[in-house]
Amino acid sequence: MNYKNKTLGEKDLNSNDFENQTFENCKFVGNIRFVSFLNCIFKNCDLSQALYNTTSFTNCAFPMSKLSNIDFGDIRITMCNFTDSVMENVIFKKKKIFILKDITFKNTNLSRSAFVFCNLENQTFDGCNLESVVFEKCKLKNTNFSNANINGVGFEECNVENTKLDINGFISYCTSKGFILN
């Protein structure tokens, strides 16, 4: 079953499993609980007006979708593609390490978001807007920030190893730390 131009809430979603479904121009509202999405596509959807508890997204894609103001702490995401989506002011934080493996962020707007205790090893943020993002106590081994806007990004107590910045990112990072280019 495919869903198009619908507003979906608790009665439609809670305690259900959705597999190989396409959601197009849909809005998600309310307190979404005990829901599993597997191999689903969310085209131009607005998922930002709902709270998600004990929800999982596995091998899902979110092209041109809005996922802003979401706390991913109680959401399980695996092998998801957030290319060309808007994820402003989101929080990636769990009580123990949040492993963001096989997650695609390409041309994703992640501005004003927070990554706390995240393992971002081998992650690429190609073309992402990371303006004013905070990375706190994250593992940034082989992480690629090339072609990303990192104006005002904070790296607090991160384990940084072989992390890549392009020249614009390097200049932006240095000037945000008070360095003056001569």
N, C-alpha and C. Protein backbone atom coordinates (compact mmCIF):
# COMPACT_ATOMS: atom_id res chain seq x y z
N MET A 1 0.84 -1.18 0.00
CA MET A 1 0.00 0.00 0.00
C MET A 1 0.88 1.24 0.00
N ASN A 2 0.53 2.20 -0.78
CA ASN A 2 1.24 3.46 -0.82
C ASN A 2 0.36 4.55 -0.24
N TYR A 3 1.01 5.52 0.41
CA TYR A 3 0.29 6.61 1.05
C TYR A 3 0.68 7.90 0.36
N LYS A 4 -0.32 8.70 -0.04
CA LYS A 4 -0.03 9.95 -0.74
C LYS A 4 -0.96 11.03 -0.20
N ASN A 5 -0.36 12.20 0.10
CA ASN A 5 -1.11 13.37 0.56
C ASN A 5 -1.98 13.08 1.77
N LYS A 6 -1.43 12.37 2.74
CA LYS A 6 -2.18 12.00 3.94
C LYS A 6 -1.51 12.57 5.19
N THR A 7 -2.33 12.81 6.21
CA THR A 7 -1.82 13.12 7.53
C THR A 7 -1.97 11.85 8.35
N LEU A 8 -0.83 11.35 8.85
CA LEU A 8 -0.81 10.08 9.58
C LEU A 8 -0.46 10.31 11.04
N GLY A 9 -1.26 9.76 11.92
CA GLY A 9 -1.04 9.94 13.35
C GLY A 9 -1.02 8.63 14.09
N GLU A 10 -1.25 8.73 15.37
CA GLU A 10 -1.15 7.58 16.26
C GLU A 10 -2.07 6.43 15.83
N LYS A 11 -3.31 6.72 15.50
CA LYS A 11 -4.26 5.66 15.12
C LYS A 11 -3.83 4.94 13.85
N ASP A 12 -3.16 5.65 12.95
CA ASP A 12 -2.75 5.06 11.68
C ASP A 12 -1.46 4.25 11.80
N LEU A 13 -0.61 4.64 12.76
CA LEU A 13 0.75 4.10 12.78
C LEU A 13 1.11 3.24 13.97
N ASN A 14 0.66 3.60 15.16
CA ASN A 14 1.16 2.95 16.38
C ASN A 14 0.99 1.44 16.38
N SER A 15 2.05 0.77 16.85
CA SER A 15 2.11 -0.69 16.99
C SER A 15 1.96 -1.42 15.66
N ASN A 16 2.40 -0.78 14.58
CA ASN A 16 2.33 -1.42 13.25
C ASN A 16 3.72 -1.53 12.64
N ASP A 17 3.86 -2.46 11.71
CA ASP A 17 5.07 -2.63 10.93
C ASP A 17 4.75 -2.27 9.48
N PHE A 18 5.59 -1.44 8.88
CA PHE A 18 5.42 -1.04 7.50
C PHE A 18 6.63 -1.51 6.72
N GLU A 19 6.41 -2.26 5.66
CA GLU A 19 7.50 -2.78 4.85
C GLU A 19 7.23 -2.50 3.39
N ASN A 20 8.27 -1.99 2.70
CA ASN A 20 8.20 -1.70 1.26
C ASN A 20 7.05 -0.75 0.93
N GLN A 21 6.85 0.24 1.76
CA GLN A 21 5.79 1.23 1.54
C GLN A 21 6.41 2.53 1.03
N THR A 22 5.62 3.27 0.27
CA THR A 22 6.02 4.60 -0.16
C THR A 22 5.05 5.61 0.44
N PHE A 23 5.63 6.62 1.08
CA PHE A 23 4.86 7.72 1.65
C PHE A 23 5.25 8.96 0.86
N GLU A 24 4.27 9.60 0.22
CA GLU A 24 4.57 10.77 -0.60
C GLU A 24 3.70 11.94 -0.17
N ASN A 25 4.35 13.08 0.10
CA ASN A 25 3.67 14.29 0.55
C ASN A 25 2.81 14.03 1.78
N CYS A 26 3.29 13.21 2.69
CA CYS A 26 2.55 12.88 3.91
C CYS A 26 3.09 13.68 5.09
N LYS A 27 2.22 13.90 6.07
CA LYS A 27 2.59 14.58 7.29
C LYS A 27 2.36 13.61 8.44
N PHE A 28 3.37 13.50 9.32
CA PHE A 28 3.30 12.62 10.49
C PHE A 28 3.11 13.49 11.72
N VAL A 29 2.08 13.16 12.53
CA VAL A 29 1.75 13.98 13.70
C VAL A 29 1.50 13.09 14.91
N GLY A 30 1.60 13.70 16.10
CA GLY A 30 1.26 12.99 17.33
C GLY A 30 2.43 12.24 17.94
N ASN A 31 2.10 11.34 18.85
CA ASN A 31 3.10 10.54 19.55
C ASN A 31 3.16 9.17 18.88
N ILE A 32 4.15 8.97 18.05
CA ILE A 32 4.29 7.74 17.27
C ILE A 32 5.10 6.74 18.11
N ARG A 33 4.49 5.58 18.41
CA ARG A 33 5.14 4.62 19.29
C ARG A 33 5.05 3.21 18.72
N PHE A 34 6.11 2.44 19.00
CA PHE A 34 6.17 1.02 18.65
C PHE A 34 5.87 0.79 17.16
N VAL A 35 6.59 1.52 16.31
CA VAL A 35 6.39 1.42 14.87
C VAL A 35 7.72 1.04 14.23
N SER A 36 7.63 0.19 13.22
CA SER A 36 8.80 -0.24 12.47
C SER A 36 8.58 0.05 10.99
N PHE A 37 9.57 0.74 10.40
CA PHE A 37 9.55 1.02 8.97
C PHE A 37 10.74 0.31 8.34
N LEU A 38 10.49 -0.59 7.39
CA LEU A 38 11.54 -1.36 6.73
C LEU A 38 11.43 -1.17 5.23
N ASN A 39 12.52 -0.74 4.59
CA ASN A 39 12.57 -0.55 3.14
C ASN A 39 11.48 0.42 2.67
N CYS A 40 11.26 1.48 3.40
CA CYS A 40 10.24 2.46 3.05
C CYS A 40 10.87 3.71 2.45
N ILE A 41 10.10 4.40 1.63
CA ILE A 41 10.52 5.66 1.03
C ILE A 41 9.56 6.75 1.48
N PHE A 42 10.14 7.84 1.95
CA PHE A 42 9.37 9.00 2.41
C PHE A 42 9.72 10.16 1.48
N LYS A 43 8.91 10.37 0.43
CA LYS A 43 9.18 11.43 -0.55
C LYS A 43 8.46 12.70 -0.15
N ASN A 44 9.22 13.76 0.04
CA ASN A 44 8.66 15.07 0.32
C ASN A 44 7.67 15.03 1.49
N CYS A 45 8.02 14.30 2.52
CA CYS A 45 7.16 14.16 3.71
C CYS A 45 7.63 15.09 4.82
N ASP A 46 6.72 15.39 5.74
CA ASP A 46 7.05 16.16 6.92
C ASP A 46 6.90 15.26 8.14
N LEU A 47 8.03 14.80 8.66
CA LEU A 47 8.04 13.93 9.84
C LEU A 47 8.35 14.73 11.10
N SER A 48 8.46 16.03 10.97
CA SER A 48 8.96 16.85 12.07
C SER A 48 7.90 17.25 13.09
N GLN A 49 6.65 16.92 12.84
CA GLN A 49 5.60 17.33 13.76
C GLN A 49 5.13 16.19 14.65
N ALA A 50 5.96 15.18 14.80
CA ALA A 50 5.61 14.03 15.64
C ALA A 50 6.73 13.74 16.63
N LEU A 51 6.37 13.06 17.71
CA LEU A 51 7.33 12.53 18.67
C LEU A 51 7.45 11.05 18.40
N TYR A 52 8.68 10.52 18.42
CA TYR A 52 8.89 9.12 18.08
C TYR A 52 9.46 8.38 19.29
N ASN A 53 8.76 7.35 19.74
CA ASN A 53 9.20 6.53 20.86
C ASN A 53 9.22 5.08 20.42
N THR A 54 10.34 4.43 20.65
CA THR A 54 10.51 3.02 20.30
C THR A 54 10.08 2.79 18.84
N THR A 55 10.68 3.56 17.97
CA THR A 55 10.41 3.50 16.53
C THR A 55 11.69 3.14 15.81
N SER A 56 11.58 2.39 14.72
CA SER A 56 12.78 2.04 13.96
C SER A 56 12.58 2.32 12.48
N PHE A 57 13.66 2.79 11.85
CA PHE A 57 13.71 3.01 10.41
C PHE A 57 14.90 2.20 9.90
N THR A 58 14.65 1.19 9.08
CA THR A 58 15.72 0.35 8.54
C THR A 58 15.66 0.39 7.02
N ASN A 59 16.79 0.75 6.42
CA ASN A 59 16.92 0.83 4.96
C ASN A 59 15.82 1.70 4.35
N CYS A 60 15.65 2.88 4.93
CA CYS A 60 14.65 3.83 4.45
C CYS A 60 15.33 5.02 3.78
N ALA A 61 14.60 5.68 2.89
CA ALA A 61 15.10 6.88 2.22
C ALA A 61 14.11 8.02 2.45
N PHE A 62 14.66 9.24 2.56
CA PHE A 62 13.86 10.41 2.90
C PHE A 62 14.12 11.57 1.92
N PRO A 63 14.01 11.36 0.61
CA PRO A 63 14.34 12.44 -0.33
C PRO A 63 13.38 13.63 -0.19
N MET A 64 13.97 14.82 -0.05
CA MET A 64 13.23 16.07 0.03
C MET A 64 12.26 16.12 1.21
N SER A 65 12.54 15.36 2.24
CA SER A 65 11.66 15.33 3.42
C SER A 65 12.19 16.22 4.53
N LYS A 66 11.29 16.57 5.43
CA LYS A 66 11.63 17.41 6.57
C LYS A 66 11.57 16.56 7.83
N LEU A 67 12.70 16.53 8.56
CA LEU A 67 12.81 15.78 9.80
C LEU A 67 13.38 16.68 10.90
N SER A 68 12.97 17.91 10.94
CA SER A 68 13.53 18.88 11.88
C SER A 68 12.96 18.70 13.28
N ASN A 69 13.75 19.16 14.27
CA ASN A 69 13.33 19.18 15.68
C ASN A 69 13.03 17.78 16.23
N ILE A 70 13.71 16.77 15.74
CA ILE A 70 13.48 15.40 16.21
C ILE A 70 14.64 14.98 17.11
N ASP A 71 14.30 14.36 18.22
CA ASP A 71 15.28 13.74 19.10
C ASP A 71 15.36 12.26 18.71
N PHE A 72 16.49 11.87 18.12
CA PHE A 72 16.67 10.50 17.64
C PHE A 72 17.09 9.54 18.76
N GLY A 73 17.05 9.98 20.00
CA GLY A 73 17.49 9.16 21.12
C GLY A 73 16.74 7.87 21.29
N ASP A 74 15.45 7.85 20.98
CA ASP A 74 14.64 6.65 21.14
C ASP A 74 14.22 6.08 19.79
N ILE A 75 14.98 6.44 18.75
CA ILE A 75 14.69 5.96 17.40
C ILE A 75 15.88 5.13 16.95
N ARG A 76 15.61 4.00 16.37
CA ARG A 76 16.68 3.16 15.81
C ARG A 76 16.73 3.42 14.30
N ILE A 77 17.88 3.89 13.83
CA ILE A 77 18.04 4.11 12.39
C ILE A 77 19.22 3.27 11.91
N THR A 78 18.97 2.51 10.86
CA THR A 78 19.99 1.64 10.28
C THR A 78 19.89 1.73 8.77
N MET A 79 21.02 1.92 8.11
CA MET A 79 21.10 1.94 6.65
C MET A 79 20.09 2.89 6.02
N CYS A 80 19.97 4.11 6.56
CA CYS A 80 19.01 5.07 6.02
C CYS A 80 19.72 6.13 5.19
N ASN A 81 18.98 6.67 4.24
CA ASN A 81 19.51 7.67 3.32
C ASN A 81 18.74 8.97 3.51
N PHE A 82 19.44 9.99 4.02
CA PHE A 82 18.84 11.29 4.28
C PHE A 82 19.26 12.33 3.23
N THR A 83 19.65 11.88 2.04
CA THR A 83 20.08 12.78 0.97
C THR A 83 18.98 13.79 0.64
N ASP A 84 19.39 15.05 0.55
CA ASP A 84 18.51 16.15 0.17
C ASP A 84 17.35 16.37 1.14
N SER A 85 17.52 16.00 2.40
CA SER A 85 16.46 16.25 3.37
C SER A 85 16.86 17.40 4.30
N VAL A 86 15.88 17.90 5.02
CA VAL A 86 16.09 18.98 5.99
C VAL A 86 15.95 18.39 7.38
N MET A 87 17.04 18.48 8.15
CA MET A 87 17.08 17.92 9.50
C MET A 87 17.63 18.97 10.47
N GLU A 88 17.04 20.14 10.47
CA GLU A 88 17.51 21.22 11.34
C GLU A 88 17.15 20.92 12.79
N ASN A 89 18.07 21.29 13.67
CA ASN A 89 17.83 21.22 15.10
C ASN A 89 17.45 19.81 15.58
N VAL A 90 18.15 18.79 15.08
CA VAL A 90 17.91 17.42 15.54
C VAL A 90 18.99 17.02 16.54
N ILE A 91 18.68 16.00 17.33
CA ILE A 91 19.63 15.52 18.33
C ILE A 91 19.88 14.04 18.09
N PHE A 92 21.16 13.69 17.94
CA PHE A 92 21.59 12.30 17.87
C PHE A 92 22.35 12.02 19.16
N LYS A 93 21.68 11.41 20.12
CA LYS A 93 22.31 11.13 21.41
C LYS A 93 21.62 9.93 22.05
N LYS A 94 22.44 9.02 22.53
CA LYS A 94 21.94 7.87 23.29
C LYS A 94 22.73 7.81 24.59
N LYS A 95 22.27 6.97 25.51
CA LYS A 95 22.97 6.83 26.79
C LYS A 95 24.34 6.19 26.59
N LYS A 96 24.46 5.32 25.60
CA LYS A 96 25.77 4.79 25.23
C LYS A 96 26.02 5.19 23.78
N ILE A 97 27.11 4.80 23.23
CA ILE A 97 27.52 5.26 21.90
C ILE A 97 26.42 5.03 20.86
N PHE A 98 26.12 6.09 20.12
CA PHE A 98 25.14 6.06 19.03
C PHE A 98 25.94 5.80 17.75
N ILE A 99 25.83 4.60 17.20
CA ILE A 99 26.59 4.25 16.01
C ILE A 99 25.79 4.63 14.78
N LEU A 100 26.30 5.57 14.02
CA LEU A 100 25.63 6.01 12.80
C LEU A 100 26.40 5.42 11.62
N LYS A 101 26.24 4.14 11.44
CA LYS A 101 26.93 3.41 10.38
C LYS A 101 25.93 3.16 9.25
N ASP A 102 26.41 3.25 8.04
CA ASP A 102 25.57 3.04 6.86
C ASP A 102 24.42 4.04 6.79
N ILE A 103 24.67 5.24 7.27
CA ILE A 103 23.72 6.34 7.18
C ILE A 103 24.28 7.32 6.14
N THR A 104 23.44 7.75 5.22
CA THR A 104 23.88 8.68 4.18
C THR A 104 23.33 10.07 4.45
N PHE A 105 24.27 11.00 4.63
CA PHE A 105 23.95 12.42 4.70
C PHE A 105 24.62 13.06 3.50
N LYS A 106 23.88 13.39 2.49
CA LYS A 106 24.43 14.08 1.32
C LYS A 106 23.50 15.23 0.99
N ASN A 107 24.08 16.43 0.90
CA ASN A 107 23.28 17.64 0.66
C ASN A 107 22.15 17.76 1.69
N THR A 108 22.43 17.32 2.90
CA THR A 108 21.43 17.35 3.97
C THR A 108 21.64 18.62 4.80
N ASN A 109 20.55 19.28 5.14
CA ASN A 109 20.63 20.45 6.00
C ASN A 109 20.51 19.98 7.44
N LEU A 110 21.62 19.96 8.15
CA LEU A 110 21.68 19.53 9.55
C LEU A 110 21.98 20.71 10.48
N SER A 111 21.72 21.92 10.02
CA SER A 111 22.10 23.10 10.81
C SER A 111 21.48 23.07 12.20
N ARG A 112 22.25 23.61 13.16
CA ARG A 112 21.86 23.73 14.57
C ARG A 112 21.53 22.38 15.22
N SER A 113 22.12 21.30 14.73
CA SER A 113 21.88 19.98 15.30
C SER A 113 22.99 19.60 16.26
N ALA A 114 22.78 18.50 16.99
CA ALA A 114 23.79 18.05 17.96
C ALA A 114 24.02 16.55 17.79
N PHE A 115 25.29 16.19 17.73
CA PHE A 115 25.73 14.80 17.72
C PHE A 115 26.50 14.59 19.01
N VAL A 116 25.98 13.77 19.92
CA VAL A 116 26.61 13.55 21.22
C VAL A 116 26.83 12.06 21.41
N PHE A 117 28.07 11.69 21.79
CA PHE A 117 28.46 10.28 21.96
C PHE A 117 28.19 9.46 20.70
N CYS A 118 28.43 10.05 19.53
CA CYS A 118 28.16 9.36 18.27
C CYS A 118 29.45 8.79 17.67
N ASN A 119 29.34 7.62 17.11
CA ASN A 119 30.43 7.04 16.33
C ASN A 119 30.15 7.39 14.88
N LEU A 120 30.91 8.34 14.36
CA LEU A 120 30.76 8.80 12.98
C LEU A 120 31.94 8.36 12.13
N GLU A 121 32.51 7.23 12.49
CA GLU A 121 33.65 6.69 11.77
C GLU A 121 33.26 6.39 10.33
N ASN A 122 34.08 6.86 9.39
CA ASN A 122 33.88 6.66 7.95
C ASN A 122 32.62 7.34 7.42
N GLN A 123 32.08 8.29 8.15
CA GLN A 123 30.88 9.02 7.72
C GLN A 123 31.28 10.15 6.79
N THR A 124 30.45 10.43 5.79
CA THR A 124 30.68 11.53 4.87
C THR A 124 29.53 12.52 4.97
N PHE A 125 29.88 13.79 5.06
CA PHE A 125 28.89 14.87 5.10
C PHE A 125 29.01 15.72 3.83
N ASP A 126 29.08 15.08 2.69
CA ASP A 126 29.29 15.74 1.40
C ASP A 126 28.15 16.71 1.09
N GLY A 127 28.49 17.99 0.94
CA GLY A 127 27.52 19.00 0.56
C GLY A 127 26.52 19.34 1.65
N CYS A 128 26.76 18.93 2.88
CA CYS A 128 25.82 19.17 3.98
C CYS A 128 25.96 20.58 4.54
N ASN A 129 24.86 21.11 5.04
CA ASN A 129 24.89 22.35 5.79
C ASN A 129 25.00 21.96 7.27
N LEU A 130 26.19 22.17 7.84
CA LEU A 130 26.45 21.84 9.24
C LEU A 130 26.62 23.11 10.07
N GLU A 131 26.06 24.21 9.61
CA GLU A 131 26.24 25.47 10.31
C GLU A 131 25.71 25.37 11.74
N SER A 132 26.57 25.75 12.68
CA SER A 132 26.26 25.77 14.12
C SER A 132 25.94 24.40 14.70
N VAL A 133 26.46 23.34 14.08
CA VAL A 133 26.28 21.98 14.61
C VAL A 133 27.31 21.75 15.71
N VAL A 134 26.92 20.97 16.72
CA VAL A 134 27.83 20.61 17.80
C VAL A 134 28.11 19.11 17.72
N PHE A 135 29.39 18.78 17.70
CA PHE A 135 29.84 17.40 17.81
C PHE A 135 30.50 17.29 19.17
N GLU A 136 29.91 16.51 20.07
CA GLU A 136 30.45 16.41 21.43
C GLU A 136 30.74 14.95 21.77
N LYS A 137 31.99 14.71 22.15
CA LYS A 137 32.44 13.37 22.55
C LYS A 137 32.15 12.34 21.46
N CYS A 138 32.38 12.73 20.21
CA CYS A 138 32.14 11.86 19.06
C CYS A 138 33.44 11.25 18.55
N LYS A 139 33.30 10.12 17.91
CA LYS A 139 34.43 9.49 17.24
C LYS A 139 34.37 9.91 15.78
N LEU A 140 35.38 10.67 15.36
CA LEU A 140 35.44 11.21 14.01
C LEU A 140 36.65 10.65 13.28
N LYS A 141 36.72 9.35 13.17
CA LYS A 141 37.82 8.70 12.47
C LYS A 141 37.43 8.51 11.01
N ASN A 142 38.28 9.02 10.11
CA ASN A 142 38.04 8.94 8.67
C ASN A 142 36.72 9.58 8.27
N THR A 143 36.30 10.59 9.03
CA THR A 143 35.07 11.32 8.71
C THR A 143 35.41 12.39 7.68
N ASN A 144 34.52 12.60 6.72
CA ASN A 144 34.79 13.52 5.63
C ASN A 144 33.83 14.71 5.69
N PHE A 145 34.40 15.90 5.93
CA PHE A 145 33.62 17.13 5.96
C PHE A 145 33.88 17.97 4.71
N SER A 146 34.46 17.38 3.67
CA SER A 146 34.71 18.12 2.42
C SER A 146 33.38 18.57 1.81
N ASN A 147 33.40 19.74 1.23
CA ASN A 147 32.23 20.31 0.57
C ASN A 147 31.07 20.57 1.52
N ALA A 148 31.33 20.63 2.81
CA ALA A 148 30.28 20.90 3.79
C ALA A 148 30.46 22.31 4.36
N ASN A 149 29.35 22.95 4.69
CA ASN A 149 29.39 24.24 5.36
C ASN A 149 29.57 23.96 6.85
N ILE A 150 30.73 24.30 7.40
CA ILE A 150 30.98 24.05 8.82
C ILE A 150 31.14 25.35 9.60
N ASN A 151 30.51 26.42 9.13
CA ASN A 151 30.56 27.69 9.86
C ASN A 151 29.97 27.51 11.26
N GLY A 152 30.74 27.88 12.26
CA GLY A 152 30.27 27.83 13.63
C GLY A 152 30.16 26.44 14.24
N VAL A 153 30.77 25.44 13.61
CA VAL A 153 30.71 24.07 14.14
C VAL A 153 31.59 23.96 15.37
N GLY A 154 31.10 23.23 16.37
CA GLY A 154 31.90 22.98 17.56
C GLY A 154 32.27 21.51 17.66
N PHE A 155 33.55 21.25 17.89
CA PHE A 155 34.03 19.90 18.11
C PHE A 155 34.51 19.83 19.55
N GLU A 156 33.69 19.34 20.44
CA GLU A 156 34.00 19.31 21.86
C GLU A 156 34.38 17.90 22.30
N GLU A 157 35.61 17.74 22.78
CA GLU A 157 36.11 16.48 23.31
C GLU A 157 35.90 15.30 22.34
N CYS A 158 36.13 15.56 21.07
CA CYS A 158 35.97 14.52 20.05
C CYS A 158 37.29 13.80 19.80
N ASN A 159 37.20 12.56 19.42
CA ASN A 159 38.35 11.77 18.98
C ASN A 159 38.44 11.94 17.47
N VAL A 160 39.39 12.79 17.03
CA VAL A 160 39.53 13.13 15.62
C VAL A 160 40.77 12.45 15.06
N GLU A 161 40.58 11.63 14.01
CA GLU A 161 41.70 10.93 13.39
C GLU A 161 41.44 10.79 11.90
N ASN A 162 42.36 11.28 11.09
CA ASN A 162 42.25 11.23 9.62
C ASN A 162 40.95 11.85 9.11
N THR A 163 40.49 12.88 9.78
CA THR A 163 39.26 13.57 9.38
C THR A 163 39.60 14.60 8.32
N LYS A 164 38.74 14.69 7.29
CA LYS A 164 39.04 15.53 6.14
C LYS A 164 38.20 16.80 6.13
N LEU A 165 38.87 17.91 5.83
CA LEU A 165 38.24 19.20 5.59
C LEU A 165 38.77 19.73 4.27
N ASP A 166 37.94 20.38 3.48
CA ASP A 166 38.48 21.07 2.32
C ASP A 166 39.01 22.43 2.79
N ILE A 167 39.62 23.19 1.90
CA ILE A 167 40.27 24.44 2.31
C ILE A 167 39.27 25.43 2.88
N ASN A 168 38.05 25.50 2.30
CA ASN A 168 37.04 26.41 2.83
C ASN A 168 36.61 26.00 4.24
N GLY A 169 36.48 24.73 4.47
CA GLY A 169 36.13 24.23 5.80
C GLY A 169 37.23 24.51 6.80
N PHE A 170 38.47 24.33 6.36
CA PHE A 170 39.61 24.59 7.24
C PHE A 170 39.65 26.06 7.65
N ILE A 171 39.47 26.95 6.68
CA ILE A 171 39.48 28.39 6.97
C ILE A 171 38.31 28.74 7.89
N SER A 172 37.14 28.20 7.60
CA SER A 172 35.96 28.48 8.43
C SER A 172 36.17 28.01 9.86
N TYR A 173 36.72 26.82 10.00
CA TYR A 173 36.96 26.27 11.34
C TYR A 173 37.98 27.12 12.09
N CYS A 174 39.08 27.44 11.44
CA CYS A 174 40.13 28.23 12.10
C CYS A 174 39.64 29.61 12.50
N THR A 175 38.91 30.28 11.62
CA THR A 175 38.43 31.62 11.97
C THR A 175 37.40 31.56 13.10
N SER A 176 36.62 30.47 13.19
CA SER A 176 35.66 30.35 14.29
C SER A 176 36.36 30.13 15.63
N LYS A 177 37.61 29.69 15.58
CA LYS A 177 38.40 29.48 16.80
C LYS A 177 39.27 30.68 17.14
N GLY A 178 39.11 31.77 16.37
CA GLY A 178 39.84 32.98 16.69
C GLY A 178 41.13 33.20 15.91
N PHE A 179 41.46 32.28 15.01
CA PHE A 179 42.66 32.46 14.20
C PHE A 179 42.42 33.55 13.17
N ILE A 180 43.47 34.30 12.85
CA ILE A 180 43.40 35.33 11.81
C ILE A 180 44.34 34.91 10.71
N LEU A 181 43.81 34.88 9.49
CA LEU A 181 44.65 34.53 8.35
C LEU A 181 45.48 35.73 7.94
N ASN A 182 46.73 35.50 7.72
CA ASN A 182 47.66 36.57 7.39
C ASN A 182 48.11 36.46 5.95
